[in-house]
């Protein structure tokens, strides 16, 4: 079955960095676009970043552009989210996501808290 397992979250001070990792299994990773979403308390889940199958195409929410970088390693079936210059408003649960044959799959999420 499809599994997405996120890791790498934690508590970081404003201006700091974190790298999130999503390990995928149960599907052909190299054939799939991958996404990172986040959900802050009391807010709807929002799309943060997208990466195409080969990694050649990437797109970002305007709120994170220039600070976050999405990447992938198809040999390891893993997608990453490098987050730099973190702000308190980046505090959220971050989720890995894939859509396969019109079915949407989510990981369990990893908490990122940006606070001094």
Protein backbone atom coordinates (compact mmCIF):
# COMPACT_ATOMS: atom_id res chain seq x y z
CA UNK A 1 0.00 0.00 0.00
CA UNK A 2 1.01 3.63 -0.45
CA UNK A 3 2.98 5.01 2.46
CA UNK A 4 4.36 8.49 3.01
CA UNK A 5 6.45 9.06 6.13
CA UNK A 6 7.57 12.57 7.01
CA UNK A 7 10.38 13.45 9.39
CA UNK A 8 12.65 16.34 10.26
CA UNK A 9 10.27 18.70 12.00
CA UNK A 10 11.00 20.39 15.30
CA UNK A 11 11.39 23.64 17.16
CA UNK A 12 13.57 26.29 15.56
CA UNK A 13 14.22 29.96 16.20
CA UNK A 14 13.16 32.61 13.68
CA UNK A 15 15.73 32.83 10.93
CA UNK A 16 16.72 29.20 11.36
CA UNK A 17 16.56 26.26 8.99
CA UNK A 18 15.08 22.78 8.87
CA UNK A 19 15.05 20.05 6.26
CA UNK A 20 11.96 17.87 6.04
CA UNK A 21 12.10 14.40 4.51
CA UNK A 22 9.30 12.29 3.09
CA UNK A 23 10.05 8.62 2.45
CA UNK A 24 7.62 7.08 -0.03
CA UNK A 25 6.76 3.48 -0.78
CA UNK A 26 4.05 1.38 -2.41
CA UNK A 27 3.99 3.15 -5.76
CA UNK A 28 6.30 4.07 -8.62
CA UNK A 29 7.87 7.15 -7.11
CA UNK A 30 9.77 8.24 -10.19
CA UNK A 31 6.50 8.45 -12.15
CA UNK A 32 4.79 10.75 -9.67
CA UNK A 33 4.73 14.46 -9.01
CA UNK A 34 5.12 15.11 -5.31
CA UNK A 35 3.77 17.88 -3.08
CA UNK A 36 4.33 19.43 0.32
CA UNK A 37 1.38 20.97 2.16
CA UNK A 38 1.08 22.59 5.56
CA UNK A 39 -1.71 23.29 8.01
CA UNK A 40 -1.50 25.86 10.77
CA UNK A 41 -3.89 25.81 13.76
CA UNK A 42 -7.30 27.15 12.79
CA UNK A 43 -6.37 27.42 9.11
CA UNK A 44 -6.99 25.35 6.02
CA UNK A 45 -4.32 23.10 4.60
CA UNK A 46 -2.31 24.94 1.95
CA UNK A 47 -0.02 23.84 -0.85
CA UNK A 48 3.58 24.83 -0.16
CA UNK A 49 5.63 23.28 -2.96
CA UNK A 50 5.36 20.93 -5.93
CA UNK A 51 8.02 18.98 -7.80
CA UNK A 52 7.59 17.12 -11.09
CA UNK A 53 8.57 13.50 -11.69
CA UNK A 54 12.10 14.24 -12.85
CA UNK A 55 12.63 17.14 -10.50
CA UNK A 56 13.01 19.53 -13.40
CA UNK A 57 9.89 21.50 -12.57
CA UNK A 58 9.19 23.11 -9.21
CA UNK A 59 6.59 25.53 -7.96
CA UNK A 60 6.12 27.33 -4.65
CA UNK A 61 3.54 29.25 -2.70
CA UNK A 62 4.31 32.95 -2.80
CA UNK A 63 4.71 32.97 0.99
CA UNK A 64 7.72 30.62 0.84
CA UNK A 65 9.30 31.45 -2.52
CA UNK A 66 12.97 32.25 -2.16
CA UNK A 67 13.17 30.61 1.28
CA UNK A 68 12.06 27.00 0.70
CA UNK A 69 13.45 24.50 -1.79
CA UNK A 70 11.79 21.23 -2.78
CA UNK A 71 13.94 18.42 -4.17
CA UNK A 72 13.77 14.69 -4.70
CA UNK A 73 15.94 11.60 -4.96
CA UNK A 74 14.19 9.07 -7.18
CA UNK A 75 16.75 6.38 -6.33
CA UNK A 76 15.73 6.67 -2.67
CA UNK A 77 12.01 7.38 -3.28
CA UNK A 78 12.39 10.45 -1.11
CA UNK A 79 11.29 14.05 -1.40
CA UNK A 80 12.77 16.88 0.66
CA UNK A 81 11.78 20.36 1.74
CA UNK A 82 14.67 22.61 2.72
CA UNK A 83 13.31 25.52 4.73
CA UNK A 84 15.53 28.55 5.36
CA UNK A 85 14.90 31.93 6.97
CA UNK A 86 12.01 30.47 8.90
CA UNK A 87 9.38 32.79 10.30
CA UNK A 88 6.84 32.29 13.11
CA UNK A 89 4.10 32.19 10.47
CA UNK A 90 5.70 29.04 9.03
CA UNK A 91 4.60 27.19 12.16
CA UNK A 92 2.37 24.32 11.01
CA UNK A 93 2.11 20.61 10.51
CA UNK A 94 3.78 19.78 7.22
CA UNK A 95 2.44 16.95 5.06
CA UNK A 96 3.77 15.04 2.11
CA UNK A 97 1.20 14.33 -0.61
CA UNK A 98 0.80 12.38 -3.81
CA UNK A 99 -2.11 11.89 -6.17
CA UNK A 100 -2.31 8.53 -7.93
CA UNK A 101 -5.11 7.67 -10.36
CA UNK A 102 -7.32 10.35 -8.80
CA UNK A 103 -6.69 9.05 -5.27
CA UNK A 104 -5.02 11.41 -2.80
CA UNK A 105 -2.56 10.12 -0.23
CA UNK A 106 -1.13 11.88 2.82
CA UNK A 107 1.58 11.21 5.32
CA UNK A 108 1.02 11.58 9.06
CA UNK A 109 2.65 15.01 9.09
CA UNK A 110 5.57 16.51 10.96
CA UNK A 111 5.27 19.52 13.28
CA UNK A 112 7.37 22.60 12.59
CA UNK A 113 7.37 25.28 15.26
CA UNK A 114 9.20 28.57 14.73
CA UNK A 115 9.53 30.47 17.98
CA UNK A 116 12.08 32.27 20.09
